[in-house]
PDB file of N, CA and C in Angstrom:
ATOM      1  N   MET A   1      92.931 117.810  91.152  1.00  0.00           N
ATOM      2  CA  MET A   1      93.320 118.954  91.830  1.00  0.00           C
ATOM      3  C   MET A   1      92.878 118.959  93.255  1.00  0.00           C
ATOM      4  N   LEU A   2      93.677 118.409  94.285  1.00  0.00           N
ATOM      5  CA  LEU A   2      93.559 118.404  95.592  1.00  0.00           C
ATOM      6  C   LEU A   2      93.028 120.112  96.151  1.00  0.00           C
ATOM      7  N   GLU A   3      92.207 120.178  97.229  1.00  0.00           N
ATOM      8  CA  GLU A   3      91.801 121.211  97.233  1.00  0.00           C
ATOM      9  C   GLU A   3      92.988 121.368  98.952  1.00  0.00           C
ATOM     10  N   PHE A   4      93.518 121.825  99.546  1.00  0.00           N
ATOM     11  CA  PHE A   4      93.981 121.382 100.220  1.00  0.00           C
ATOM     12  C   PHE A   4      93.383 123.448 100.807  1.00  0.00           C
ATOM     13  N   ASN A   5      93.431 122.611 102.751  1.00  0.00           N
ATOM     14  CA  ASN A   5      93.146 123.414 103.683  1.00  0.00           C
ATOM     15  C   ASN A   5      93.551 123.926 104.755  1.00  0.00           C
ATOM     16  N   VAL A   6      93.284 124.991 105.514  1.00  0.00           N
ATOM     17  CA  VAL A   6      94.143 125.224 107.428  1.00  0.00           C
ATOM     18  C   VAL A   6      93.265 124.316 107.925  1.00  0.00           C
ATOM     19  N   GLY A   7      94.163 123.705 108.985  1.00  0.00           N
ATOM     20  CA  GLY A   7      93.350 122.470 109.562  1.00  0.00           C
ATOM     21  C   GLY A   7      93.979 121.028 109.029  1.00  0.00           C
ATOM     22  N   ASP A   8      94.303 120.883 107.958  1.00  0.00           N
ATOM     23  CA  ASP A   8      94.322 119.370 107.154  1.00  0.00           C
ATOM     24  C   ASP A   8      95.443 119.260 107.439  1.00  0.00           C
ATOM     25  N   LEU A   9      95.213 117.755 107.761  1.00  0.00           N
ATOM     26  CA  LEU A   9      96.439 116.396 108.067  1.00  0.00           C
ATOM     27  C   LEU A   9      97.013 116.103 106.952  1.00  0.00           C
ATOM     28  N   VAL A  10      98.601 116.360 106.409  1.00  0.00           N
ATOM     29  CA  VAL A  10      99.673 116.419 105.400  1.00  0.00           C
ATOM     30  C   VAL A  10     100.541 114.985 105.486  1.00  0.00           C
ATOM     31  N   SER A  11     100.612 114.365 105.127  1.00  0.00           N
ATOM     32  CA  SER A  11     101.746 113.948 104.633  1.00  0.00           C
ATOM     33  C   SER A  11     102.635 114.629 103.639  1.00  0.00           C
ATOM     34  N   TYR A  12     104.378 114.042 103.858  1.00  0.00           N
ATOM     35  CA  TYR A  12     104.803 114.844 102.826  1.00  0.00           C
ATOM     36  C   TYR A  12     105.669 113.643 101.746  1.00  0.00           C
ATOM     37  N   ILE A  13     105.410 113.531 100.282  1.00  0.00           N
ATOM     38  CA  ILE A  13     105.749 112.991  99.499  1.00  0.00           C
ATOM     39  C   ILE A  13     107.128 113.924  98.444  1.00  0.00           C
ATOM     40  N   ASN A  14     108.264 112.465  98.785  1.00  0.00           N
ATOM     41  CA  ASN A  14     109.574 112.369  97.849  1.00  0.00           C
ATOM     42  C   ASN A  14     110.260 111.167  97.234  1.00  0.00           C
ATOM     43  N   ASP A  15     109.326 110.980  95.701  1.00  0.00           N
ATOM     44  CA  ASP A  15     109.838 110.222  95.455  1.00  0.00           C
ATOM     45  C   ASP A  15     111.645 110.005  95.457  1.00  0.00           C
ATOM     46  N   ALA A  16     112.054 111.045  95.280  1.00  0.00           N
ATOM     47  CA  ALA A  16     113.574 111.094  94.850  1.00  0.00           C
ATOM     48  C   ALA A  16     114.422 110.737  96.238  1.00  0.00           C
ATOM     49  N   TYR A  17     113.777 111.161  97.485  1.00  0.00           N
ATOM     50  CA  TYR A  17     114.211 111.263  99.195  1.00  0.00           C
ATOM     51  C   TYR A  17     113.707 110.259  99.545  1.00  0.00           C
ATOM     52  N   PRO A  18     113.278 109.471  99.113  1.00  0.00           N
ATOM     53  CA  PRO A  18     111.892 108.987 100.905  1.00  0.00           C
ATOM     54  C   PRO A  18     112.517 108.713 101.885  1.00  0.00           C
ATOM     55  N   THR A  19     111.405 109.374 102.576  1.00  0.00           N
ATOM     56  CA  THR A  19     111.709 110.053 104.514  1.00  0.00           C
ATOM     57  C   THR A  19     110.767 109.274 105.310  1.00  0.00           C
ATOM     58  N   GLU A  20     110.896 109.679 106.561  1.00  0.00           N
ATOM     59  CA  GLU A  20     109.413 108.342 107.195  1.00  0.00           C
ATOM     60  C   GLU A  20     108.560 109.014 107.621  1.00  0.00           C
ATOM     61  N   ASP A  21     107.738 109.424 107.832  1.00  0.00           N
ATOM     62  CA  ASP A  21     105.802 108.843 107.605  1.00  0.00           C
ATOM     63  C   ASP A  21     106.123 110.274 108.627  1.00  0.00           C
ATOM     64  N   SER A  22     105.970 111.636 107.866  1.00  0.00           N
ATOM     65  CA  SER A  22     105.849 112.551 108.037  1.00  0.00           C
ATOM     66  C   SER A  22     104.423 113.086 108.638  1.00  0.00           C
ATOM     67  N   VAL A  23     103.953 113.644 109.360  1.00  0.00           N
ATOM     68  CA  VAL A  23     102.546 114.317 109.507  1.00  0.00           C
ATOM     69  C   VAL A  23     102.799 115.822 109.921  1.00  0.00           C
ATOM     70  N   GLY A  24     101.907 116.753 109.479  1.00  0.00           N
ATOM     71  CA  GLY A  24     102.351 118.069 109.329  1.00  0.00           C
ATOM     72  C   GLY A  24     100.788 118.815 109.188  1.00  0.00           C
ATOM     73  N   LEU A  25     100.547 119.637 110.479  1.00  0.00           N
ATOM     74  CA  LEU A  25      99.693 120.733 109.256  1.00  0.00           C
ATOM     75  C   LEU A  25      99.548 121.677 108.812  1.00  0.00           C
ATOM     76  N   VAL A  26      98.565 121.429 107.599  1.00  0.00           N
ATOM     77  CA  VAL A  26      98.219 122.617 107.169  1.00  0.00           C
ATOM     78  C   VAL A  26      97.702 124.524 107.728  1.00  0.00           C
ATOM     79  N   LEU A  27      98.550 125.136 108.174  1.00  0.00           N
ATOM     80  CA  LEU A  27      98.432 126.584 108.824  1.00  0.00           C
ATOM     81  C   LEU A  27      98.328 127.996 107.863  1.00  0.00           C
ATOM     82  N   LYS A  28      98.325 127.560 106.940  1.00  0.00           N
ATOM     83  CA  LYS A  28      98.202 128.798 105.436  1.00  0.00           C
ATOM     84  C   LYS A  28      98.054 128.031 104.066  1.00  0.00           C
ATOM     85  N   VAL A  29      97.017 128.997 103.414  1.00  0.00           N
ATOM     86  CA  VAL A  29      96.320 128.679 102.199  1.00  0.00           C
ATOM     87  C   VAL A  29      96.745 129.734 100.856  1.00  0.00           C
ATOM     88  N   ASP A  30      97.875 130.270 100.749  1.00  0.00           N
ATOM     89  CA  ASP A  30      97.765 131.301  99.365  1.00  0.00           C
ATOM     90  C   ASP A  30      97.238 131.213  98.102  1.00  0.00           C
ATOM     91  N   PRO A  31      96.142 131.703  97.932  1.00  0.00           N
ATOM     92  CA  PRO A  31      95.884 131.011  96.353  1.00  0.00           C
ATOM     93  C   PRO A  31      96.735 131.205  95.429  1.00  0.00           C
ATOM     94  N   PRO A  32      95.614 130.479  94.378  1.00  0.00           N
ATOM     95  CA  PRO A  32      97.061 130.118  92.858  1.00  0.00           C
ATOM     96  C   PRO A  32      97.841 131.748  93.096  1.00  0.00           C
ATOM     97  N   SER A  33      98.698 131.264  91.780  1.00  0.00           N
ATOM     98  CA  SER A  33      99.312 132.682  91.685  1.00  0.00           C
ATOM     99  C   SER A  33     100.790 131.878  90.832  1.00  0.00           C
ATOM    100  N   TYR A  34     100.270 132.528  89.419  1.00  0.00           N
ATOM    101  CA  TYR A  34     101.481 132.269  87.865  1.00  0.00           C
ATOM    102  C   TYR A  34     103.255 131.907  88.994  1.00  0.00           C
ATOM    103  N   GLU A  35     102.996 133.322  90.109  1.00  0.00           N
ATOM    104  CA  GLU A  35     104.574 133.530  90.546  1.00  0.00           C
ATOM    105  C   GLU A  35     104.468 132.821  91.622  1.00  0.00           C
ATOM    106  N   VAL A  36     104.203 132.477  92.346  1.00  0.00           N
ATOM    107  CA  VAL A  36     104.100 132.387  93.320  1.00  0.00           C
ATOM    108  C   VAL A  36     103.810 130.338  92.983  1.00  0.00           C
ATOM    109  N   PHE A  37     104.841 128.995  93.202  1.00  0.00           N
ATOM    110  CA  PHE A  37     104.264 127.747  93.093  1.00  0.00           C
ATOM    111  C   PHE A  37     103.911 127.215  94.121  1.00  0.00           C
ATOM    112  N   SER A  38     105.203 127.262  95.450  1.00  0.00           N
ATOM    113  CA  SER A  38     105.134 126.638  97.283  1.00  0.00           C
ATOM    114  C   SER A  38     103.663 127.511  98.053  1.00  0.00           C
ATOM    115  N   ARG A  39     102.848 127.254  97.616  1.00  0.00           N
ATOM    116  CA  ARG A  39     101.721 128.113  98.255  1.00  0.00           C
ATOM    117  C   ARG A  39     100.610 127.309  99.864  1.00  0.00           C
ATOM    118  N   ILE A  40     101.684 126.709 100.437  1.00  0.00           N
ATOM    119  CA  ILE A  40     100.871 125.597 101.138  1.00  0.00           C
ATOM    120  C   ILE A  40     101.843 126.091 102.378  1.00  0.00           C
ATOM    121  N   LYS A  41     101.638 126.354 103.377  1.00  0.00           N
ATOM    122  CA  LYS A  41     102.731 126.361 104.320  1.00  0.00           C
ATOM    123  C   LYS A  41     101.938 125.049 106.062  1.00  0.00           C
ATOM    124  N   VAL A  42     103.169 124.149 106.730  1.00  0.00           N
ATOM    125  CA  VAL A  42     103.191 123.413 107.355  1.00  0.00           C
ATOM    126  C   VAL A  42     103.937 123.303 108.166  1.00  0.00           C
ATOM    127  N   ARG A  43     102.977 123.012 109.524  1.00  0.00           N
ATOM    128  CA  ARG A  43     104.110 122.321 110.383  1.00  0.00           C
ATOM    129  C   ARG A  43     103.890 121.083 110.686  1.00  0.00           C
ATOM    130  N   TRP A  44     105.479 121.056 110.780  1.00  0.00           N
ATOM    131  CA  TRP A  44     106.020 119.083 110.778  1.00  0.00           C
ATOM    132  C   TRP A  44     105.178 119.608 112.775  1.00  0.00           C
ATOM    133  N   THR A  45     105.454 118.018 112.728  1.00  0.00           N
ATOM    134  CA  THR A  45     105.215 117.761 113.927  1.00  0.00           C
ATOM    135  C   THR A  45     106.629 117.425 114.536  1.00  0.00           C
ATOM    136  N   ASP A  46     107.576 116.701 113.642  1.00  0.00           N
ATOM    137  CA  ASP A  46     109.288 116.478 114.251  1.00  0.00           C
ATOM    138  C   ASP A  46     110.006 118.198 113.798  1.00  0.00           C
ATOM    139  N   HIS A  47     109.473 119.128 113.606  1.00  0.00           N
ATOM    140  CA  HIS A  47     109.592 120.429 112.462  1.00  0.00           C
ATOM    141  C   HIS A  47     110.869 120.993 113.909  1.00  0.00           C
ATOM    142  N   LEU A  48     111.931 120.999 112.162  1.00  0.00           N
ATOM    143  CA  LEU A  48     113.109 121.726 112.810  1.00  0.00           C
ATOM    144  C   LEU A  48     113.434 123.569 112.524  1.00  0.00           C
ATOM    145  N   ASP A  49     113.674 123.866 113.320  1.00  0.00           N
ATOM    146  CA  ASP A  49     114.827 124.917 111.873  1.00  0.00           C
ATOM    147  C   ASP A  49     114.504 125.527 110.817  1.00  0.00           C
ATOM    148  N   SER A  50     115.249 123.971 110.698  1.00  0.00           N
ATOM    149  CA  SER A  50     115.520 123.969 108.716  1.00  0.00           C
ATOM    150  C   SER A  50     114.913 123.609 108.216  1.00  0.00           C
ATOM    151  N   ASN A  51     113.882 123.416 108.541  1.00  0.00           N
ATOM    152  CA  ASN A  51     113.002 122.441 107.608  1.00  0.00           C
ATOM    153  C   ASN A  51     112.126 123.466 106.917  1.00  0.00           C
ATOM    154  N   ARG A  52     111.643 123.526 105.661  1.00  0.00           N
ATOM    155  CA  ARG A  52     110.977 124.470 105.264  1.00  0.00           C
ATOM    156  C   ARG A  52     109.485 124.694 104.913  1.00  0.00           C
ATOM    157  N   ASP A  53     109.468 125.923 105.297  1.00  0.00           N
ATOM    158  CA  ASP A  53     107.525 126.204 105.765  1.00  0.00           C
ATOM    159  C   ASP A  53     106.600 125.794 104.746  1.00  0.00           C
ATOM    160  N   TRP A  54     107.153 126.299 102.694  1.00  0.00           N
ATOM    161  CA  TRP A  54     106.574 126.740 102.324  1.00  0.00           C
ATOM    162  C   TRP A  54     106.126 125.194 100.994  1.00  0.00           C
ATOM    163  N   TYR A  55     105.295 124.204 100.801  1.00  0.00           N
ATOM    164  CA  TYR A  55     105.296 123.861  99.564  1.00  0.00           C
ATOM    165  C   TYR A  55     104.129 123.690  98.270  1.00  0.00           C
ATOM    166  N   ARG A  56     104.478 122.688  97.311  1.00  0.00           N
ATOM    167  CA  ARG A  56     103.699 122.672  96.092  1.00  0.00           C
ATOM    168  C   ARG A  56     102.719 121.792  96.413  1.00  0.00           C
ATOM    169  N   GLU A  57     101.629 121.472  96.301  1.00  0.00           N
ATOM    170  CA  GLU A  57     100.216 120.834  96.219  1.00  0.00           C
ATOM    171  C   GLU A  57     100.725 119.148  96.142  1.00  0.00           C
ATOM    172  N   ASP A  58     101.457 119.017  94.739  1.00  0.00           N
ATOM    173  CA  ASP A  58     102.153 117.819  94.224  1.00  0.00           C
ATOM    174  C   ASP A  58     103.257 117.000  95.535  1.00  0.00           C
ATOM    175  N   GLU A  59     103.732 117.994  96.514  1.00  0.00           N
ATOM    176  CA  GLU A  59     105.107 117.443  97.025  1.00  0.00           C
ATOM    177  C   GLU A  59     104.147 116.488  98.993  1.00  0.00           C
ATOM    178  N   LEU A  60     102.791 117.460  98.592  1.00  0.00           N
ATOM    179  CA  LEU A  60     101.795 117.499  99.895  1.00  0.00           C
ATOM    180  C   LEU A  60     100.003 115.747  99.514  1.00  0.00           C
ATOM    181  N   GLU A  61     100.186 115.304 100.876  1.00  0.00           N
ATOM    182  CA  GLU A  61      99.620 113.820 100.854  1.00  0.00           C
ATOM    183  C   GLU A  61      98.298 114.534 102.010  1.00  0.00           C
ATOM    184  N   ILE A  62      96.768 114.730 101.289  1.00  0.00           N
ATOM    185  CA  ILE A  62      96.005 114.544 102.808  1.00  0.00           C
ATOM    186  C   ILE A  62      95.578 113.625 103.274  1.00  0.00           C
ATOM    187  N   ILE A  63      95.718 113.299 104.667  1.00  0.00           N
ATOM    188  CA  ILE A  63      95.675 112.205 105.745  1.00  0.00           C
ATOM    189  C   ILE A  63      94.699 112.728 106.403  1.00  0.00           C
ATOM    190  N   SER A  64      93.969 113.400 106.213  1.00  0.00           N
ATOM    191  CA  SER A  64      93.310 113.861 107.250  1.00  0.00           C
ATOM    192  C   SER A  64      92.091 115.089 107.194  1.00  0.00           C
ATOM    193  N   GLU A  65      91.189 115.491 106.779  1.00  0.00           N
ATOM    194  CA  GLU A  65      90.582 116.633 106.216  1.00  0.00           C
ATOM    195  C   GLU A  65      90.036 117.819 107.072  1.00  0.00           C
ATOM    196  N   SER A  66      90.063 118.976 107.014  1.00  0.00           N
ATOM    197  CA  SER A  66      89.925 119.420 108.305  1.00  0.00           C
ATOM    198  C   SER A  66      87.997 120.159 108.292  1.00  0.00           C
ATOM    199  N   ARG A  67      87.925 120.633 109.426  1.00  0.00           N
ATOM    200  CA  ARG A  67      86.258 120.044 109.084  1.00  0.00           C
ATOM    201  C   ARG A  67      85.774 121.345 109.226  1.00  0.00           C
TER     202      ARG A  67
END
């Protein structure tokens, strides 16, 4: 399992509905929990109010890790 950190640049992975190459910044990572599946908060470069904020690890790919 990849370790996501605040400040990482990520892209969205969705094989069912491929999209343009969206790039986002990880704003918050909640600790793992059996009750919460979407624990990574991302703000996209082209973010709209209709975009959701929280994602699962398997929906994201790290492009560049924060230092």
